Amino acid sequence: MENSTYLEKIFRSFQRYYTVKTENVPQPFDAEAEFISHTENYFLVKSAKLAEFDSNEYVFFKQNDFLSNRMINEYSSLAWNEGLSRVKPSYGHKNSDITLVLLSQKLETGASKTIKKINKHISYRFGFFGWSNFKLVVKELSSDLIFCNRMGSDLKKLLSKIKSD
């Protein structure tokens, strides 16, 4: 399957809850999606606010014909840094997760080990101002195999449901 065709299928599954952009996207990424949620809890009336929570997710998409281990590490660092630049930790900030979805026809040998080793996490003020986790999922379209880091297992399930016929 063509990378761009599969990427369009992924966009359709994300568009229900995320704002997907394909233009004015930070380089070297092909697209990005953004999910922003703000929740407030009240006691009887709005003036008696108990709590408020902000939860965000920034997803970056990149497609290549071939991905080497070096490229996977490089794209992961770029996505992590771009996502962190958008995080505004404060009281009420719960989490801001950064996600990278990589599509490739072929992966370098040993890429699955590289992907599993990528683990990025940051806690703001000992968790009182929230945290950020990094999720990575990579799909090799030629073999229909999906690899992810520990935090990206939920995305692995999502991509496995999207058929690459």
N, C-alpha and C. Protein backbone atom coordinates (compact mmCIF):
# COMPACT_ATOMS: atom_id res chain seq x y z
N MET A 1 0.84 -1.19 0.00
CA MET A 1 0.00 0.00 0.00
C MET A 1 0.88 1.24 0.00
N GLU A 2 0.42 2.24 -0.64
CA GLU A 2 1.10 3.52 -0.70
C GLU A 2 1.05 4.19 0.68
N ASN A 3 2.17 4.81 1.09
CA ASN A 3 2.25 5.48 2.39
C ASN A 3 1.15 6.54 2.54
N SER A 4 0.96 7.36 1.51
CA SER A 4 0.00 8.46 1.61
C SER A 4 -1.44 7.95 1.72
N THR A 5 -1.75 6.82 1.09
CA THR A 5 -3.09 6.26 1.19
C THR A 5 -3.37 5.78 2.60
N TYR A 6 -2.40 5.13 3.19
CA TYR A 6 -2.56 4.65 4.56
C TYR A 6 -2.64 5.83 5.54
N LEU A 7 -1.85 6.87 5.27
CA LEU A 7 -1.88 8.06 6.12
C LEU A 7 -3.25 8.72 6.08
N GLU A 8 -3.90 8.75 4.93
CA GLU A 8 -5.26 9.30 4.82
C GLU A 8 -6.24 8.50 5.66
N LYS A 9 -6.08 7.19 5.70
CA LYS A 9 -6.95 6.35 6.54
C LYS A 9 -6.74 6.66 8.02
N ILE A 10 -5.50 6.90 8.40
CA ILE A 10 -5.21 7.26 9.80
C ILE A 10 -5.86 8.60 10.13
N PHE A 11 -5.77 9.56 9.21
CA PHE A 11 -6.38 10.88 9.44
C PHE A 11 -7.87 10.75 9.71
N ARG A 12 -8.55 9.91 8.93
CA ARG A 12 -9.99 9.73 9.12
C ARG A 12 -10.31 9.20 10.51
N SER A 13 -9.49 8.34 11.03
CA SER A 13 -9.75 7.81 12.38
C SER A 13 -9.44 8.85 13.46
N PHE A 14 -8.52 9.78 13.19
CA PHE A 14 -8.16 10.81 14.16
C PHE A 14 -9.11 12.00 14.12
N GLN A 15 -9.73 12.27 12.97
CA GLN A 15 -10.50 13.50 12.80
C GLN A 15 -11.71 13.63 13.71
N ARG A 16 -12.18 12.56 14.26
CA ARG A 16 -13.34 12.64 15.14
C ARG A 16 -13.02 13.42 16.42
N TYR A 17 -11.83 13.22 16.97
CA TYR A 17 -11.48 13.83 18.25
C TYR A 17 -10.33 14.83 18.16
N TYR A 18 -9.59 14.81 17.08
CA TYR A 18 -8.39 15.63 16.95
C TYR A 18 -8.58 16.66 15.84
N THR A 19 -7.84 17.75 15.95
CA THR A 19 -7.74 18.72 14.87
C THR A 19 -6.52 18.33 14.04
N VAL A 20 -6.74 17.91 12.80
CA VAL A 20 -5.66 17.43 11.95
C VAL A 20 -5.25 18.52 10.97
N LYS A 21 -3.94 18.78 10.88
CA LYS A 21 -3.40 19.77 9.95
C LYS A 21 -2.37 19.12 9.05
N THR A 22 -2.42 19.46 7.77
CA THR A 22 -1.41 18.99 6.83
C THR A 22 -0.61 20.15 6.24
N GLU A 23 -1.02 21.38 6.55
CA GLU A 23 -0.31 22.56 6.07
C GLU A 23 0.26 23.32 7.27
N ASN A 24 1.35 24.03 7.03
CA ASN A 24 2.05 24.79 8.08
C ASN A 24 2.43 23.88 9.26
N VAL A 25 2.96 22.73 8.93
CA VAL A 25 3.38 21.75 9.93
C VAL A 25 4.88 21.90 10.14
N PRO A 26 5.36 21.80 11.39
CA PRO A 26 6.80 21.92 11.61
C PRO A 26 7.58 20.85 10.84
N GLN A 27 8.67 21.26 10.27
CA GLN A 27 9.52 20.33 9.51
C GLN A 27 10.22 19.38 10.47
N PRO A 28 10.42 18.17 10.14
CA PRO A 28 10.27 17.46 8.88
C PRO A 28 8.97 16.67 8.78
N PHE A 29 7.99 16.99 9.59
CA PHE A 29 6.77 16.18 9.68
C PHE A 29 5.80 16.50 8.54
N ASP A 30 5.00 15.49 8.18
CA ASP A 30 4.06 15.62 7.07
C ASP A 30 2.70 16.14 7.52
N ALA A 31 2.36 15.88 8.78
CA ALA A 31 1.07 16.32 9.31
C ALA A 31 1.14 16.31 10.83
N GLU A 32 0.13 16.93 11.45
CA GLU A 32 0.04 16.90 12.90
C GLU A 32 -1.43 16.91 13.31
N ALA A 33 -1.68 16.38 14.48
CA ALA A 33 -3.02 16.37 15.05
C ALA A 33 -2.91 16.87 16.48
N GLU A 34 -3.98 17.53 16.93
CA GLU A 34 -3.95 18.14 18.26
C GLU A 34 -5.27 17.85 18.97
N PHE A 35 -5.16 17.42 20.21
CA PHE A 35 -6.33 17.18 21.04
C PHE A 35 -6.17 18.02 22.30
N ILE A 36 -7.16 18.86 22.58
CA ILE A 36 -7.12 19.72 23.76
C ILE A 36 -8.43 19.55 24.52
N SER A 37 -8.31 19.22 25.79
CA SER A 37 -9.49 19.01 26.63
C SER A 37 -9.35 19.85 27.90
N HIS A 38 -10.42 20.57 28.22
CA HIS A 38 -10.46 21.37 29.46
C HIS A 38 -11.72 20.96 30.21
N THR A 39 -11.56 20.52 31.44
CA THR A 39 -12.68 20.06 32.26
C THR A 39 -12.71 20.86 33.56
N GLU A 40 -13.91 21.24 33.99
CA GLU A 40 -14.07 21.93 35.27
C GLU A 40 -15.13 21.21 36.09
N ASN A 41 -14.88 21.09 37.37
CA ASN A 41 -15.84 20.47 38.30
C ASN A 41 -16.37 21.54 39.25
N TYR A 42 -17.69 21.53 39.45
CA TYR A 42 -18.34 22.52 40.30
C TYR A 42 -19.12 21.82 41.40
N PHE A 43 -19.39 22.57 42.44
CA PHE A 43 -20.28 22.11 43.52
C PHE A 43 -21.53 22.97 43.48
N LEU A 44 -22.61 22.44 42.98
CA LEU A 44 -23.92 23.06 42.87
C LEU A 44 -23.96 24.27 41.93
N VAL A 45 -23.12 25.25 42.12
CA VAL A 45 -23.13 26.45 41.28
C VAL A 45 -21.75 26.67 40.66
N LYS A 46 -21.73 27.41 39.57
CA LYS A 46 -20.48 27.62 38.86
C LYS A 46 -19.45 28.40 39.66
N SER A 47 -19.90 29.22 40.56
CA SER A 47 -18.95 30.00 41.35
C SER A 47 -18.22 29.15 42.39
N ALA A 48 -18.72 27.96 42.67
CA ALA A 48 -18.06 27.06 43.63
C ALA A 48 -17.26 26.00 42.86
N LYS A 49 -16.20 26.46 42.21
CA LYS A 49 -15.38 25.57 41.38
C LYS A 49 -14.51 24.70 42.29
N LEU A 50 -14.59 23.40 42.09
CA LEU A 50 -13.77 22.47 42.86
C LEU A 50 -12.40 22.23 42.21
N ALA A 51 -12.41 22.03 40.91
CA ALA A 51 -11.16 21.73 40.22
C ALA A 51 -11.32 21.96 38.72
N GLU A 52 -10.18 22.11 38.07
CA GLU A 52 -10.16 22.17 36.62
C GLU A 52 -8.93 21.42 36.13
N PHE A 53 -9.10 20.75 34.98
CA PHE A 53 -8.04 19.92 34.43
C PHE A 53 -7.86 20.20 32.95
N ASP A 54 -6.60 20.28 32.54
CA ASP A 54 -6.26 20.40 31.12
C ASP A 54 -5.50 19.16 30.71
N SER A 55 -5.93 18.56 29.62
CA SER A 55 -5.27 17.38 29.08
C SER A 55 -5.08 17.59 27.58
N ASN A 56 -3.86 17.45 27.11
CA ASN A 56 -3.53 17.72 25.72
C ASN A 56 -2.76 16.56 25.11
N GLU A 57 -2.86 16.44 23.80
CA GLU A 57 -2.02 15.49 23.08
C GLU A 57 -1.65 16.10 21.74
N TYR A 58 -0.37 16.02 21.41
CA TYR A 58 0.15 16.52 20.15
C TYR A 58 0.71 15.33 19.38
N VAL A 59 0.16 15.08 18.19
CA VAL A 59 0.54 13.92 17.39
C VAL A 59 1.21 14.41 16.11
N PHE A 60 2.37 13.84 15.82
CA PHE A 60 3.11 14.18 14.61
C PHE A 60 3.21 12.94 13.72
N PHE A 61 3.06 13.15 12.41
CA PHE A 61 3.07 12.06 11.45
C PHE A 61 4.22 12.26 10.47
N LYS A 62 4.90 11.17 10.15
CA LYS A 62 5.98 11.22 9.17
C LYS A 62 5.98 9.92 8.37
N GLN A 63 6.10 10.05 7.06
CA GLN A 63 6.16 8.87 6.20
C GLN A 63 7.46 8.89 5.40
N ASN A 64 8.10 7.73 5.30
CA ASN A 64 9.34 7.55 4.56
C ASN A 64 9.29 6.22 3.82
N ASP A 65 10.10 6.10 2.80
CA ASP A 65 10.22 4.80 2.13
C ASP A 65 11.07 3.86 2.96
N PHE A 66 12.08 4.40 3.64
CA PHE A 66 12.98 3.60 4.47
C PHE A 66 13.28 4.36 5.76
N LEU A 67 13.26 3.68 6.88
CA LEU A 67 13.60 4.29 8.17
C LEU A 67 14.78 3.55 8.78
N SER A 68 15.84 4.29 9.06
CA SER A 68 16.99 3.72 9.76
C SER A 68 16.81 3.98 11.26
N ASN A 69 17.61 3.32 12.06
CA ASN A 69 17.56 3.52 13.52
C ASN A 69 17.90 4.97 13.87
N ARG A 70 18.87 5.55 13.15
CA ARG A 70 19.25 6.94 13.39
C ARG A 70 18.09 7.89 13.09
N MET A 71 17.37 7.63 12.00
CA MET A 71 16.24 8.48 11.63
C MET A 71 15.12 8.37 12.66
N ILE A 72 14.88 7.18 13.17
CA ILE A 72 13.83 6.99 14.19
C ILE A 72 14.17 7.81 15.43
N ASN A 73 15.43 7.74 15.88
CA ASN A 73 15.85 8.53 17.04
C ASN A 73 15.77 10.03 16.78
N GLU A 74 16.15 10.44 15.57
CA GLU A 74 16.12 11.85 15.22
C GLU A 74 14.69 12.39 15.18
N TYR A 75 13.78 11.67 14.51
CA TYR A 75 12.39 12.10 14.45
C TYR A 75 11.75 12.11 15.84
N SER A 76 12.12 11.16 16.67
CA SER A 76 11.58 11.12 18.03
C SER A 76 12.01 12.35 18.83
N SER A 77 13.28 12.71 18.71
CA SER A 77 13.78 13.89 19.42
C SER A 77 13.12 15.17 18.91
N LEU A 78 12.96 15.27 17.60
CA LEU A 78 12.33 16.46 17.03
C LEU A 78 10.87 16.58 17.47
N ALA A 79 10.13 15.48 17.46
CA ALA A 79 8.73 15.51 17.89
C ALA A 79 8.63 15.84 19.37
N TRP A 80 9.48 15.25 20.19
CA TRP A 80 9.48 15.50 21.63
C TRP A 80 9.75 16.97 21.91
N ASN A 81 10.77 17.55 21.28
CA ASN A 81 11.10 18.96 21.51
C ASN A 81 10.01 19.90 21.01
N GLU A 82 9.42 19.59 19.86
CA GLU A 82 8.33 20.42 19.33
C GLU A 82 7.11 20.35 20.24
N GLY A 83 6.78 19.16 20.70
CA GLY A 83 5.64 19.01 21.61
C GLY A 83 5.86 19.72 22.93
N LEU A 84 7.06 19.59 23.50
CA LEU A 84 7.35 20.26 24.78
C LEU A 84 7.30 21.77 24.67
N SER A 85 7.61 22.30 23.49
CA SER A 85 7.56 23.75 23.31
C SER A 85 6.13 24.28 23.40
N ARG A 86 5.14 23.40 23.24
CA ARG A 86 3.72 23.81 23.30
C ARG A 86 3.10 23.61 24.68
N VAL A 87 3.81 22.93 25.57
CA VAL A 87 3.27 22.62 26.89
C VAL A 87 3.38 23.84 27.79
N LYS A 88 2.29 24.12 28.51
CA LYS A 88 2.27 25.22 29.47
C LYS A 88 1.84 24.66 30.83
N PRO A 89 2.79 24.10 31.59
CA PRO A 89 2.43 23.50 32.87
C PRO A 89 1.98 24.57 33.88
N SER A 90 0.91 24.27 34.56
CA SER A 90 0.38 25.18 35.57
C SER A 90 -0.52 24.36 36.48
N TYR A 91 -1.06 25.02 37.51
CA TYR A 91 -2.01 24.34 38.37
C TYR A 91 -3.23 23.99 37.52
N GLY A 92 -3.64 22.75 37.55
CA GLY A 92 -4.76 22.30 36.74
C GLY A 92 -4.33 21.59 35.47
N HIS A 93 -3.05 21.70 35.13
CA HIS A 93 -2.55 20.98 33.96
C HIS A 93 -2.33 19.52 34.38
N LYS A 94 -3.03 18.62 33.72
CA LYS A 94 -2.91 17.20 34.06
C LYS A 94 -1.80 16.55 33.25
N ASN A 95 -1.94 16.56 31.93
CA ASN A 95 -0.91 15.96 31.09
C ASN A 95 -0.92 16.58 29.70
N SER A 96 0.22 16.48 29.06
CA SER A 96 0.39 16.85 27.66
C SER A 96 1.26 15.78 27.03
N ASP A 97 0.64 14.86 26.33
CA ASP A 97 1.38 13.76 25.73
C ASP A 97 1.80 14.13 24.31
N ILE A 98 2.97 13.64 23.93
CA ILE A 98 3.50 13.86 22.59
C ILE A 98 3.58 12.50 21.91
N THR A 99 3.03 12.42 20.70
CA THR A 99 2.94 11.16 19.98
C THR A 99 3.57 11.30 18.61
N LEU A 100 4.30 10.27 18.19
CA LEU A 100 4.89 10.25 16.86
C LEU A 100 4.44 8.97 16.16
N VAL A 101 3.86 9.14 14.96
CA VAL A 101 3.43 8.02 14.13
C VAL A 101 4.31 8.02 12.89
N LEU A 102 5.10 6.96 12.72
CA LEU A 102 5.99 6.83 11.58
C LEU A 102 5.49 5.72 10.67
N LEU A 103 5.43 6.00 9.36
CA LEU A 103 5.05 5.00 8.37
C LEU A 103 6.21 4.81 7.41
N SER A 104 6.49 3.56 7.11
CA SER A 104 7.59 3.27 6.21
C SER A 104 7.33 1.98 5.45
N GLN A 105 7.86 1.91 4.24
CA GLN A 105 7.78 0.66 3.48
C GLN A 105 8.73 -0.38 4.07
N LYS A 106 9.90 0.07 4.54
CA LYS A 106 10.91 -0.85 5.06
C LYS A 106 11.64 -0.22 6.23
N LEU A 107 11.94 -1.04 7.25
CA LEU A 107 12.71 -0.60 8.41
C LEU A 107 14.07 -1.28 8.42
N GLU A 108 15.04 -0.58 8.99
CA GLU A 108 16.38 -1.15 9.14
C GLU A 108 16.32 -2.32 10.13
N THR A 109 17.20 -3.28 9.95
CA THR A 109 17.28 -4.41 10.87
C THR A 109 17.59 -3.90 12.27
N GLY A 110 16.87 -4.41 13.25
CA GLY A 110 17.07 -3.99 14.63
C GLY A 110 16.26 -2.78 15.03
N ALA A 111 15.41 -2.30 14.14
CA ALA A 111 14.61 -1.10 14.43
C ALA A 111 13.63 -1.35 15.57
N SER A 112 13.13 -2.56 15.69
CA SER A 112 12.16 -2.85 16.75
C SER A 112 12.79 -2.65 18.13
N LYS A 113 14.06 -3.00 18.27
CA LYS A 113 14.75 -2.79 19.56
C LYS A 113 14.96 -1.30 19.82
N THR A 114 15.29 -0.57 18.79
CA THR A 114 15.47 0.88 18.92
C THR A 114 14.17 1.54 19.36
N ILE A 115 13.07 1.13 18.76
CA ILE A 115 11.76 1.71 19.06
C ILE A 115 11.37 1.42 20.50
N LYS A 116 11.56 0.20 20.94
CA LYS A 116 11.19 -0.18 22.31
C LYS A 116 12.01 0.56 23.36
N LYS A 117 13.25 0.93 23.02
CA LYS A 117 14.14 1.60 23.98
C LYS A 117 13.80 3.08 24.16
N ILE A 118 13.08 3.68 23.22
CA ILE A 118 12.79 5.11 23.30
C ILE A 118 11.77 5.34 24.40
N ASN A 119 12.19 6.05 25.44
CA ASN A 119 11.35 6.30 26.60
C ASN A 119 11.59 7.73 27.08
N LYS A 120 10.62 8.58 26.86
CA LYS A 120 10.76 9.99 27.27
C LYS A 120 9.58 10.33 28.18
N HIS A 121 9.90 10.96 29.30
CA HIS A 121 8.88 11.35 30.28
C HIS A 121 9.42 12.55 31.04
N ILE A 122 8.54 13.48 31.34
CA ILE A 122 8.92 14.62 32.17
C ILE A 122 7.77 14.93 33.11
N SER A 123 8.12 15.25 34.34
CA SER A 123 7.14 15.61 35.35
C SER A 123 7.39 17.07 35.73
N TYR A 124 6.33 17.85 35.80
CA TYR A 124 6.46 19.27 36.12
C TYR A 124 6.16 19.49 37.60
N ARG A 125 7.15 20.03 38.29
CA ARG A 125 7.03 20.30 39.74
C ARG A 125 6.54 19.07 40.50
N PHE A 126 7.28 17.98 40.34
CA PHE A 126 7.00 16.71 41.03
C PHE A 126 5.59 16.18 40.73
N GLY A 127 5.04 16.52 39.58
CA GLY A 127 3.73 16.04 39.18
C GLY A 127 2.58 16.94 39.59
N PHE A 128 2.85 17.95 40.40
CA PHE A 128 1.77 18.84 40.82
C PHE A 128 1.26 19.69 39.65
N PHE A 129 2.13 19.95 38.67
CA PHE A 129 1.74 20.70 37.48
C PHE A 129 1.60 19.79 36.27
N GLY A 130 1.46 18.51 36.50
CA GLY A 130 1.23 17.56 35.42
C GLY A 130 2.49 16.88 34.93
N TRP A 131 2.37 16.23 33.77
CA TRP A 131 3.48 15.48 33.20
C TRP A 131 3.30 15.38 31.69
N SER A 132 4.35 14.90 31.05
CA SER A 132 4.32 14.63 29.61
C SER A 132 4.96 13.27 29.35
N ASN A 133 4.34 12.48 28.49
CA ASN A 133 4.85 11.19 28.07
C ASN A 133 5.03 11.20 26.57
N PHE A 134 5.93 10.34 26.09
CA PHE A 134 6.18 10.22 24.65
C PHE A 134 5.71 8.86 24.17
N LYS A 135 4.83 8.89 23.16
CA LYS A 135 4.32 7.66 22.55
C LYS A 135 4.88 7.57 21.14
N LEU A 136 5.35 6.38 20.79
CA LEU A 136 5.91 6.16 19.46
C LEU A 136 5.31 4.89 18.87
N VAL A 137 4.85 4.98 17.64
CA VAL A 137 4.36 3.80 16.93
C VAL A 137 4.87 3.88 15.49
N VAL A 138 5.38 2.75 15.01
CA VAL A 138 5.96 2.67 13.67
C VAL A 138 5.31 1.50 12.94
N LYS A 139 4.85 1.75 11.70
CA LYS A 139 4.27 0.68 10.90
C LYS A 139 5.11 0.47 9.66
N GLU A 140 5.53 -0.78 9.49
CA GLU A 140 6.25 -1.18 8.27
C GLU A 140 5.19 -1.72 7.31
N LEU A 141 4.90 -0.97 6.27
CA LEU A 141 3.79 -1.31 5.38
C LEU A 141 4.06 -2.55 4.54
N SER A 142 5.31 -2.82 4.19
CA SER A 142 5.61 -3.98 3.34
C SER A 142 5.31 -5.29 4.05
N SER A 143 5.55 -5.34 5.36
CA SER A 143 5.30 -6.57 6.12
C SER A 143 4.05 -6.48 6.99
N ASP A 144 3.44 -5.29 7.05
CA ASP A 144 2.25 -5.05 7.87
C ASP A 144 2.53 -5.23 9.37
N LEU A 145 3.79 -5.03 9.78
CA LEU A 145 4.17 -5.14 11.19
C LEU A 145 4.11 -3.77 11.85
N ILE A 146 3.72 -3.77 13.13
CA ILE A 146 3.62 -2.53 13.90
C ILE A 146 4.50 -2.67 15.13
N PHE A 147 5.33 -1.66 15.37
CA PHE A 147 6.22 -1.64 16.53
C PHE A 147 5.92 -0.38 17.34
N CYS A 148 6.07 -0.46 18.66
CA CYS A 148 5.80 0.71 19.49
C CYS A 148 6.68 0.67 20.74
N ASN A 149 6.81 1.83 21.37
CA ASN A 149 7.46 1.86 22.66
C ASN A 149 6.41 1.53 23.73
N ARG A 150 6.80 1.53 24.98
CA ARG A 150 5.91 1.09 26.05
C ARG A 150 4.63 1.94 26.12
N MET A 151 4.74 3.23 25.94
CA MET A 151 3.58 4.12 26.06
C MET A 151 2.69 4.08 24.81
N GLY A 152 3.19 3.58 23.69
CA GLY A 152 2.44 3.61 22.45
C GLY A 152 1.60 2.38 22.16
N SER A 153 1.40 1.53 23.15
CA SER A 153 0.66 0.28 22.91
C SER A 153 -0.80 0.53 22.50
N ASP A 154 -1.42 1.59 23.01
CA ASP A 154 -2.80 1.88 22.61
C ASP A 154 -2.88 2.29 21.14
N LEU A 155 -1.85 2.95 20.64
CA LEU A 155 -1.81 3.32 19.22
C LEU A 155 -1.56 2.10 18.34
N LYS A 156 -0.85 1.13 18.87
CA LYS A 156 -0.61 -0.10 18.12
C LYS A 156 -1.94 -0.79 17.83
N LYS A 157 -2.82 -0.78 18.82
CA LYS A 157 -4.15 -1.37 18.64
C LYS A 157 -4.94 -0.60 17.58
N LEU A 158 -4.84 0.73 17.61
CA LEU A 158 -5.55 1.55 16.63
C LEU A 158 -5.06 1.28 15.22
N LEU A 159 -3.74 1.26 15.02
CA LEU A 159 -3.19 1.04 13.69
C LEU A 159 -3.46 -0.38 13.18
N SER A 160 -3.55 -1.33 14.08
CA SER A 160 -3.84 -2.70 13.64
C SER A 160 -5.26 -2.84 13.12
N LYS A 161 -6.16 -1.96 13.56
CA LYS A 161 -7.53 -1.98 13.07
C LYS A 161 -7.70 -1.35 11.70
N ILE A 162 -6.75 -0.49 11.33
CA ILE A 162 -6.80 0.17 10.03
C ILE A 162 -6.11 -0.74 9.02
N LYS A 163 -6.86 -1.23 8.09
CA LYS A 163 -6.36 -2.20 7.11
C LYS A 163 -5.52 -1.50 6.04
N SER A 164 -4.42 -2.13 5.68
CA SER A 164 -3.54 -1.57 4.65
C SER A 164 -3.65 -2.37 3.36
N ASP A 165 -4.87 -2.48 2.84
CA ASP A 165 -5.08 -3.24 1.61
C ASP A 165 -4.86 -2.44 0.37
